[in-house]
């Protein structure tokens, strides 16, 4: 065997290993991007749920504040009527 043929065989092996490792890395990268997308979707869904909860809490708290004010005024009226 000539040294040129040995060199071609060695370079072919290294090229094959390089192509194989590139394919593996591309597959891993695709899986990673799918996982990142899944995490982003879950985070977005959680943020929407939190936003909805805060919105409903703000509605409830404003209603409760109004009821608290009404009850406070009713208590004051009742106290004034008892004093008279």
PDB file of N, CA and C in Angstrom:
ATOM      1  N   UNK A   1       0.833  -1.194   0.000  1.00  0.00           N
ATOM      2  CA  UNK A   1       0.000   0.000   0.000  1.00  0.00           C
ATOM      3  C   UNK A   1       0.868   1.245   0.000  1.00  0.00           C
ATOM      4  N   UNK A   2       0.436   2.163  -0.759  1.00  0.00           N
ATOM      5  CA  UNK A   2       1.159   3.425  -0.877  1.00  0.00           C
ATOM      6  C   UNK A   2       0.751   4.342   0.272  1.00  0.00           C
ATOM      7  N   UNK A   3       1.625   5.255   0.653  1.00  0.00           N
ATOM      8  CA  UNK A   3       1.329   6.182   1.752  1.00  0.00           C
ATOM      9  C   UNK A   3       0.145   7.070   1.427  1.00  0.00           C
ATOM     10  N   UNK A   4      -0.092   7.374   0.164  1.00  0.00           N
ATOM     11  CA  UNK A   4      -1.222   8.216  -0.246  1.00  0.00           C
ATOM     12  C   UNK A   4      -2.540   7.481   0.000  1.00  0.00           C
ATOM     13  N   UNK A   5      -2.557   6.184  -0.238  1.00  0.00           N
ATOM     14  CA  UNK A   5      -3.776   5.420   0.013  1.00  0.00           C
ATOM     15  C   UNK A   5      -4.078   5.344   1.515  1.00  0.00           C
ATOM     16  N   UNK A   6      -3.045   5.186   2.314  1.00  0.00           N
ATOM     17  CA  UNK A   6      -3.229   5.165   3.781  1.00  0.00           C
ATOM     18  C   UNK A   6      -3.765   6.513   4.257  1.00  0.00           C
ATOM     19  N   UNK A   7      -3.215   7.577   3.719  1.00  0.00           N
ATOM     20  CA  UNK A   7      -3.678   8.916   4.085  1.00  0.00           C
ATOM     21  C   UNK A   7      -5.136   9.124   3.682  1.00  0.00           C
ATOM     22  N   UNK A   8      -5.535   8.644   2.512  1.00  0.00           N
ATOM     23  CA  UNK A   8      -6.921   8.755   2.060  1.00  0.00           C
ATOM     24  C   UNK A   8      -7.845   7.967   2.988  1.00  0.00           C
ATOM     25  N   UNK A   9      -7.429   6.779   3.403  1.00  0.00           N
ATOM     26  CA  UNK A   9      -8.236   5.965   4.312  1.00  0.00           C
ATOM     27  C   UNK A   9      -8.403   6.676   5.660  1.00  0.00           C
ATOM     28  N   UNK A  10      -7.316   7.211   6.195  1.00  0.00           N
ATOM     29  CA  UNK A  10      -7.378   7.914   7.486  1.00  0.00           C
ATOM     30  C   UNK A  10      -8.273   9.146   7.381  1.00  0.00           C
ATOM     31  N   UNK A  11      -8.119   9.914   6.339  1.00  0.00           N
ATOM     32  CA  UNK A  11      -8.950  11.106   6.156  1.00  0.00           C
ATOM     33  C   UNK A  11     -10.410  10.739   5.951  1.00  0.00           C
ATOM     34  N   UNK A  12     -10.677   9.643   5.271  1.00  0.00           N
ATOM     35  CA  UNK A  12     -12.061   9.184   5.066  1.00  0.00           C
ATOM     36  C   UNK A  12     -12.694   8.791   6.402  1.00  0.00           C
ATOM     37  N   UNK A  13     -11.934   8.107   7.239  1.00  0.00           N
ATOM     38  CA  UNK A  13     -12.447   7.725   8.561  1.00  0.00           C
ATOM     39  C   UNK A  13     -12.768   8.964   9.382  1.00  0.00           C
ATOM     40  N   UNK A  14     -11.833   9.916   9.410  1.00  0.00           N
ATOM     41  CA  UNK A  14     -12.077  11.147  10.172  1.00  0.00           C
ATOM     42  C   UNK A  14     -13.255  11.939   9.613  1.00  0.00           C
ATOM     43  N   UNK A  15     -13.397  11.967   8.301  1.00  0.00           N
ATOM     44  CA  UNK A  15     -14.532  12.659   7.693  1.00  0.00           C
ATOM     45  C   UNK A  15     -15.846  11.970   8.069  1.00  0.00           C
ATOM     46  N   UNK A  16     -15.848  10.644   8.055  1.00  0.00           N
ATOM     47  CA  UNK A  16     -17.033   9.895   8.464  1.00  0.00           C
ATOM     48  C   UNK A  16     -17.397  10.175   9.918  1.00  0.00           C
ATOM     49  N   UNK A  17     -16.400  10.191  10.793  1.00  0.00           N
ATOM     50  CA  UNK A  17     -16.647  10.502  12.206  1.00  0.00           C
ATOM     51  C   UNK A  17     -17.163  11.931  12.373  1.00  0.00           C
ATOM     52  N   UNK A  18     -16.626  12.856  11.594  1.00  0.00           N
ATOM     53  CA  UNK A  18     -17.072  14.238  11.662  1.00  0.00           C
ATOM     54  C   UNK A  18     -18.528  14.374  11.214  1.00  0.00           C
ATOM     55  N   UNK A  19     -18.887  13.704  10.143  1.00  0.00           N
ATOM     56  CA  UNK A  19     -20.265  13.748   9.651  1.00  0.00           C
ATOM     57  C   UNK A  19     -21.201  13.113  10.665  1.00  0.00           C
ATOM     58  N   UNK A  20     -20.807  11.974  11.223  1.00  0.00           N
ATOM     59  CA  UNK A  20     -21.626  11.295  12.222  1.00  0.00           C
ATOM     60  C   UNK A  20     -21.830  12.169  13.466  1.00  0.00           C
ATOM     61  N   UNK A  21     -20.761  12.799  13.926  1.00  0.00           N
ATOM     62  CA  UNK A  21     -20.892  13.669  15.104  1.00  0.00           C
ATOM     63  C   UNK A  21     -21.739  14.908  14.787  1.00  0.00           C
ATOM     64  N   UNK A  22     -21.655  15.405  13.563  1.00  0.00           N
ATOM     65  CA  UNK A  22     -22.480  16.556  13.173  1.00  0.00           C
ATOM     66  C   UNK A  22     -23.958  16.174  13.168  1.00  0.00           C
ATOM     67  N   UNK A  23     -24.278  14.988  12.672  1.00  0.00           N
ATOM     68  CA  UNK A  23     -25.668  14.526  12.668  1.00  0.00           C
ATOM     69  C   UNK A  23     -26.182  14.380  14.099  1.00  0.00           C
ATOM     70  N   UNK A  24     -25.378  13.795  14.966  1.00  0.00           N
ATOM     71  CA  UNK A  24     -25.771  13.632  16.366  1.00  0.00           C
ATOM     72  C   UNK A  24     -25.990  14.996  17.021  1.00  0.00           C
ATOM     73  N   UNK A  25     -25.114  15.938  16.774  1.00  0.00           N
ATOM     74  CA  UNK A  25     -25.253  17.273  17.356  1.00  0.00           C
ATOM     75  C   UNK A  25     -26.493  17.994  16.843  1.00  0.00           C
ATOM     76  N   UNK A  26     -26.811  17.824  15.569  1.00  0.00           N
ATOM     77  CA  UNK A  26     -28.009  18.446  15.010  1.00  0.00           C
ATOM     78  C   UNK A  26     -29.258  17.857  15.656  1.00  0.00           C
ATOM     79  N   UNK A  27     -29.290  16.544  15.848  1.00  0.00           N
ATOM     80  CA  UNK A  27     -30.431  15.910  16.499  1.00  0.00           C
ATOM     81  C   UNK A  27     -30.568  16.404  17.935  1.00  0.00           C
ATOM     82  N   UNK A  28     -29.459  16.504  18.648  1.00  0.00           N
ATOM     83  CA  UNK A  28     -29.492  17.012  20.027  1.00  0.00           C
ATOM     84  C   UNK A  28     -29.965  18.463  20.059  1.00  0.00           C
ATOM     85  N   UNK A  29     -29.536  19.256  19.094  1.00  0.00           N
ATOM     86  CA  UNK A  29     -29.952  20.653  19.023  1.00  0.00           C
ATOM     87  C   UNK A  29     -31.446  20.765  18.763  1.00  0.00           C
ATOM     88  N   UNK A  30     -31.977  19.916  17.896  1.00  0.00           N
ATOM     89  CA  UNK A  30     -33.419  19.931  17.615  1.00  0.00           C
ATOM     90  C   UNK A  30     -34.198  19.559  18.867  1.00  0.00           C
ATOM     91  N   UNK A  31     -33.754  18.540  19.593  1.00  0.00           N
ATOM     92  CA  UNK A  31     -34.418  18.157  20.843  1.00  0.00           C
ATOM     93  C   UNK A  31     -34.370  19.298  21.857  1.00  0.00           C
ATOM     94  N   UNK A  32     -33.218  19.950  21.936  1.00  0.00           N
ATOM     95  CA  UNK A  32     -33.077  21.064  22.874  1.00  0.00           C
ATOM     96  C   UNK A  32     -34.023  22.202  22.530  1.00  0.00           C
ATOM     97  N   UNK A  33     -34.159  22.511  21.254  1.00  0.00           N
ATOM     98  CA  UNK A  33     -35.072  23.590  20.868  1.00  0.00           C
ATOM     99  C   UNK A  33     -36.519  23.223  21.163  1.00  0.00           C
ATOM    100  N   UNK A  34     -36.877  21.948  21.021  1.00  0.00           N
ATOM    101  CA  UNK A  34     -38.235  21.512  21.368  1.00  0.00           C
ATOM    102  C   UNK A  34     -38.470  21.650  22.869  1.00  0.00           C
ATOM    103  N   UNK A  35     -37.469  21.305  23.667  1.00  0.00           N
ATOM    104  CA  UNK A  35     -37.604  21.441  25.118  1.00  0.00           C
ATOM    105  C   UNK A  35     -37.723  22.908  25.514  1.00  0.00           C
ATOM    106  N   UNK A  36     -36.948  23.765  24.888  1.00  0.00           N
ATOM    107  CA  UNK A  36     -37.019  25.200  25.191  1.00  0.00           C
ATOM    108  C   UNK A  36     -38.391  25.741  24.820  1.00  0.00           C
ATOM    109  N   UNK A  37     -38.920  25.311  23.679  1.00  0.00           N
ATOM    110  CA  UNK A  37     -40.252  25.751  23.266  1.00  0.00           C
ATOM    111  C   UNK A  37     -41.303  25.279  24.261  1.00  0.00           C
ATOM    112  N   UNK A  38     -41.168  24.045  24.736  1.00  0.00           N
ATOM    113  CA  UNK A  38     -42.108  23.506  25.717  1.00  0.00           C
ATOM    114  C   UNK A  38     -42.057  24.304  27.013  1.00  0.00           C
ATOM    115  N   UNK A  39     -40.862  24.624  27.464  1.00  0.00           N
ATOM    116  CA  UNK A  39     -40.714  25.417  28.692  1.00  0.00           C
ATOM    117  C   UNK A  39     -41.299  26.811  28.497  1.00  0.00           C
ATOM    118  N   UNK A  40     -41.069  27.397  27.348  1.00  0.00           N
ATOM    119  CA  UNK A  40     -41.610  28.730  27.074  1.00  0.00           C
ATOM    120  C   UNK A  40     -43.139  28.696  27.039  1.00  0.00           C
ATOM    121  N   UNK A  41     -43.712  27.657  26.440  1.00  0.00           N
ATOM    122  CA  UNK A  41     -45.176  27.531  26.406  1.00  0.00           C
ATOM    123  C   UNK A  41     -45.741  27.362  27.813  1.00  0.00           C
ATOM    124  N   UNK A  42     -45.098  26.517  28.625  1.00  0.00           N
ATOM    125  CA  UNK A  42     -45.559  26.318  30.002  1.00  0.00           C
ATOM    126  C   UNK A  42     -45.452  27.606  30.810  1.00  0.00           C
ATOM    127  N   UNK A  43     -44.383  28.349  30.605  1.00  0.00           N
ATOM    128  CA  UNK A  43     -44.206  29.610  31.313  1.00  0.00           C
ATOM    129  C   UNK A  43     -45.260  30.616  30.890  1.00  0.00           C
ATOM    130  N   UNK A  44     -45.532  30.671  29.600  1.00  0.00           N
ATOM    131  CA  UNK A  44     -46.563  31.592  29.107  1.00  0.00           C
ATOM    132  C   UNK A  44     -47.932  31.227  29.672  1.00  0.00           C
ATOM    133  N   UNK A  45     -48.230  29.935  29.724  1.00  0.00           N
ATOM    134  CA  UNK A  45     -49.515  29.474  30.273  1.00  0.00           C
ATOM    135  C   UNK A  45     -49.614  29.830  31.762  1.00  0.00           C
ATOM    136  N   UNK A  46     -48.529  29.643  32.486  1.00  0.00           N
ATOM    137  CA  UNK A  46     -48.526  29.971  33.911  1.00  0.00           C
ATOM    138  C   UNK A  46     -48.704  31.469  34.119  1.00  0.00           C
ATOM    139  N   UNK A  47     -48.059  32.265  33.289  1.00  0.00           N
ATOM    140  CA  UNK A  47     -48.192  33.722  33.422  1.00  0.00           C
ATOM    141  C   UNK A  47     -49.624  34.165  33.116  1.00  0.00           C
ATOM    142  N   UNK A  48     -50.258  33.528  32.146  1.00  0.00           N
ATOM    143  CA  UNK A  48     -51.660  33.848  31.858  1.00  0.00           C
ATOM    144  C   UNK A  48     -52.545  33.500  33.049  1.00  0.00           C
ATOM    145  N   UNK A  49     -52.294  32.339  33.662  1.00  0.00           N
ATOM    146  CA  UNK A  49     -53.072  31.939  34.833  1.00  0.00           C
ATOM    147  C   UNK A  49     -52.881  32.919  35.988  1.00  0.00           C
ATOM    148  N   UNK A  50     -51.644  33.351  36.196  1.00  0.00           N
ATOM    149  CA  UNK A  50     -51.370  34.323  37.254  1.00  0.00           C
ATOM    150  C   UNK A  50     -52.055  35.646  36.937  1.00  0.00           C
ATOM    151  N   UNK A  51     -51.991  36.050  35.688  1.00  0.00           N
ATOM    152  CA  UNK A  51     -52.644  37.297  35.287  1.00  0.00           C
ATOM    153  C   UNK A  51     -54.149  37.220  35.513  1.00  0.00           C
ATOM    154  N   UNK A  52     -54.756  36.091  35.161  1.00  0.00           N
ATOM    155  CA  UNK A  52     -56.190  35.917  35.391  1.00  0.00           C
ATOM    156  C   UNK A  52     -56.515  35.937  36.877  1.00  0.00           C
ATOM    157  N   UNK A  53     -55.680  35.293  37.684  1.00  0.00           N
ATOM    158  CA  UNK A  53     -55.908  35.274  39.130  1.00  0.00           C
ATOM    159  C   UNK A  53     -55.799  36.670  39.723  1.00  0.00           C
ATOM    160  N   UNK A  54     -54.811  37.425  39.289  1.00  0.00           N
ATOM    161  CA  UNK A  54     -54.645  38.796  39.790  1.00  0.00           C
ATOM    162  C   UNK A  54     -55.824  39.655  39.363  1.00  0.00           C
ATOM    163  N   UNK A  55     -56.266  39.469  38.139  1.00  0.00           N
ATOM    164  CA  UNK A  55     -57.402  40.244  37.635  1.00  0.00           C
ATOM    165  C   UNK A  55     -58.666  39.930  38.441  1.00  0.00           C
ATOM    166  N   UNK A  56     -58.927  38.655  38.683  1.00  0.00           N
ATOM    167  CA  UNK A  56     -60.118  38.300  39.456  1.00  0.00           C
ATOM    168  C   UNK A  56     -59.975  38.742  40.907  1.00  0.00           C
ATOM    169  N   UNK A  57     -58.754  38.686  41.442  1.00  0.00           N
ATOM    170  CA  UNK A  57     -58.536  39.164  42.806  1.00  0.00           C
ATOM    171  C   UNK A  57     -58.770  40.660  42.900  1.00  0.00           C
ATOM    172  N   UNK A  58     -58.333  41.404  41.894  1.00  0.00           N
ATOM    173  CA  UNK A  58     -58.538  42.855  41.932  1.00  0.00           C
ATOM    174  C   UNK A  58     -60.024  43.188  41.861  1.00  0.00           C
ATOM    175  N   UNK A  59     -60.773  42.429  41.060  1.00  0.00           N
ATOM    176  CA  UNK A  59     -62.220  42.641  41.010  1.00  0.00           C
ATOM    177  C   UNK A  59     -62.843  42.334  42.369  1.00  0.00           C
ATOM    178  N   UNK A  60     -62.438  41.213  42.956  1.00  0.00           N
ATOM    179  CA  UNK A  60     -62.985  40.797  44.243  1.00  0.00           C
ATOM    180  C   UNK A  60     -62.601  41.778  45.343  1.00  0.00           C
ATOM    181  N   UNK A  61     -61.350  42.214  45.343  1.00  0.00           N
ATOM    182  CA  UNK A  61     -60.900  43.109  46.405  1.00  0.00           C
ATOM    183  C   UNK A  61     -61.600  44.464  46.313  1.00  0.00           C
ATOM    184  N   UNK A  62     -61.844  44.958  45.108  1.00  0.00           N
ATOM    185  CA  UNK A  62     -62.543  46.226  44.979  1.00  0.00           C
ATOM    186  C   UNK A  62     -63.992  46.077  45.450  1.00  0.00           C
ATOM    187  N   UNK A  63     -64.605  44.930  45.153  1.00  0.00           N
ATOM    188  CA  UNK A  63     -65.967  44.680  45.622  1.00  0.00           C
ATOM    189  C   UNK A  63     -65.994  44.551  47.138  1.00  0.00           C
ATOM    190  N   UNK A  64     -64.993  43.867  47.679  1.00  0.00           N
ATOM    191  CA  UNK A  64     -64.931  43.706  49.132  1.00  0.00           C
ATOM    192  C   UNK A  64     -64.676  45.042  49.821  1.00  0.00           C
ATOM    193  N   UNK A  65     -63.872  45.886  49.215  1.00  0.00           N
ATOM    194  CA  UNK A  65     -63.611  47.194  49.801  1.00  0.00           C
ATOM    195  C   UNK A  65     -64.902  48.024  49.826  1.00  0.00           C
ATOM    196  N   UNK A  66     -65.674  47.942  48.753  1.00  0.00           N
ATOM    197  CA  UNK A  66     -66.946  48.670  48.712  1.00  0.00           C
ATOM    198  C   UNK A  66     -67.899  48.130  49.776  1.00  0.00           C
ATOM    199  N   UNK A  67     -67.989  46.812  49.917  1.00  0.00           N
ATOM    200  CA  UNK A  67     -68.840  46.219  50.947  1.00  0.00           C
ATOM    201  C   UNK A  67     -68.374  46.601  52.349  1.00  0.00           C
ATOM    202  N   UNK A  68     -67.079  46.622  52.561  1.00  0.00           N
ATOM    203  CA  UNK A  68     -66.529  47.005  53.866  1.00  0.00           C
ATOM    204  C   UNK A  68     -66.910  48.438  54.196  1.00  0.00           C
ATOM    205  N   UNK A  69     -66.823  49.319  53.217  1.00  0.00           N
ATOM    206  CA  UNK A  69     -67.181  50.720  53.436  1.00  0.00           C
ATOM    207  C   UNK A  69     -68.676  50.841  53.745  1.00  0.00           C
ATOM    208  N   UNK A  70     -69.498  50.088  53.040  1.00  0.00           N
ATOM    209  CA  UNK A  70     -70.950  50.143  53.281  1.00  0.00           C
ATOM    210  C   UNK A  70     -71.266  49.642  54.679  1.00  0.00           C
ATOM    211  N   UNK A  71     -70.667  48.513  55.085  1.00  0.00           N
ATOM    212  CA  UNK A  71     -70.914  47.986  56.428  1.00  0.00           C
ATOM    213  C   UNK A  71     -70.425  48.948  57.509  1.00  0.00           C
ATOM    214  N   UNK A  72     -69.310  49.615  57.261  1.00  0.00           N
ATOM    215  CA  UNK A  72     -68.793  50.575  58.233  1.00  0.00           C
ATOM    216  C   UNK A  72     -69.790  51.727  58.412  1.00  0.00           C
ATOM    217  N   UNK A  73     -70.334  52.216  57.306  1.00  0.00           N
ATOM    218  CA  UNK A  73     -71.316  53.310  57.400  1.00  0.00           C
ATOM    219  C   UNK A  73     -72.605  52.839  58.076  1.00  0.00           C
ATOM    220  N   UNK A  74     -73.014  51.600  57.769  1.00  0.00           N
ATOM    221  CA  UNK A  74     -74.214  51.074  58.432  1.00  0.00           C
ATOM    222  C   UNK A  74     -73.996  50.937  59.936  1.00  0.00           C
ATOM    223  N   UNK A  75     -72.810  50.520  60.345  1.00  0.00           N
ATOM    224  CA  UNK A  75     -72.504  50.413  61.773  1.00  0.00           C
ATOM    225  C   UNK A  75     -72.522  51.787  62.430  1.00  0.00           C
ATOM    226  N   UNK A  76     -71.982  52.784  61.741  1.00  0.00           N
ATOM    227  CA  UNK A  76     -71.994  54.141  62.303  1.00  0.00           C
ATOM    228  C   UNK A  76     -73.428  54.638  62.460  1.00  0.00           C
ATOM    229  N   UNK A  77     -74.258  54.404  61.462  1.00  0.00           N
ATOM    230  CA  UNK A  77     -75.669  54.802  61.540  1.00  0.00           C
ATOM    231  C   UNK A  77     -76.379  54.101  62.693  1.00  0.00           C
ATOM    232  N   UNK A  78     -76.121  52.801  62.792  1.00  0.00           N
ATOM    233  CA  UNK A  78     -76.765  52.031  63.851  1.00  0.00           C
ATOM    234  C   UNK A  78     -76.299  52.529  65.215  1.00  0.00           C
ATOM    235  N   UNK A  79     -75.044  52.858  65.341  1.00  0.00           N
ATOM    236  CA  UNK A  79     -74.501  53.359  66.600  1.00  0.00           C
ATOM    237  C   UNK A  79     -75.121  54.716  66.928  1.00  0.00           C
ATOM    238  N   UNK A  80     -75.285  55.580  65.921  1.00  0.00           N
ATOM    239  CA  UNK A  80     -75.899  56.906  66.140  1.00  0.00           C
ATOM    240  C   UNK A  80     -77.361  56.730  66.561  1.00  0.00           C
ATOM    241  N   UNK A  81     -78.043  55.778  65.948  1.00  0.00           N
ATOM    242  CA  UNK A  81     -79.457  55.549  66.300  1.00  0.00           C
ATOM    243  C   UNK A  81     -79.567  54.994  67.715  1.00  0.00           C
ATOM    244  N   UNK A  82     -78.633  54.182  68.147  1.00  0.00           N
ATOM    245  CA  UNK A  82     -78.663  53.650  69.493  1.00  0.00           C
ATOM    246  C   UNK A  82     -78.360  54.748  70.523  1.00  0.00           C
ATOM    247  N   UNK A  83     -77.503  55.684  70.153  1.00  0.00           N
ATOM    248  CA  UNK A  83     -77.135  56.782  71.049  1.00  0.00           C
ATOM    249  C   UNK A  83     -78.308  57.744  71.232  1.00  0.00           C
ATOM    250  N   UNK A  84     -79.113  57.913  70.223  1.00  0.00           N
ATOM    251  CA  UNK A  84     -80.222  58.865  70.294  1.00  0.00           C
ATOM    252  C   UNK A  84     -81.390  58.302  70.991  1.00  0.00           C
TER     253      UNK A  84
END
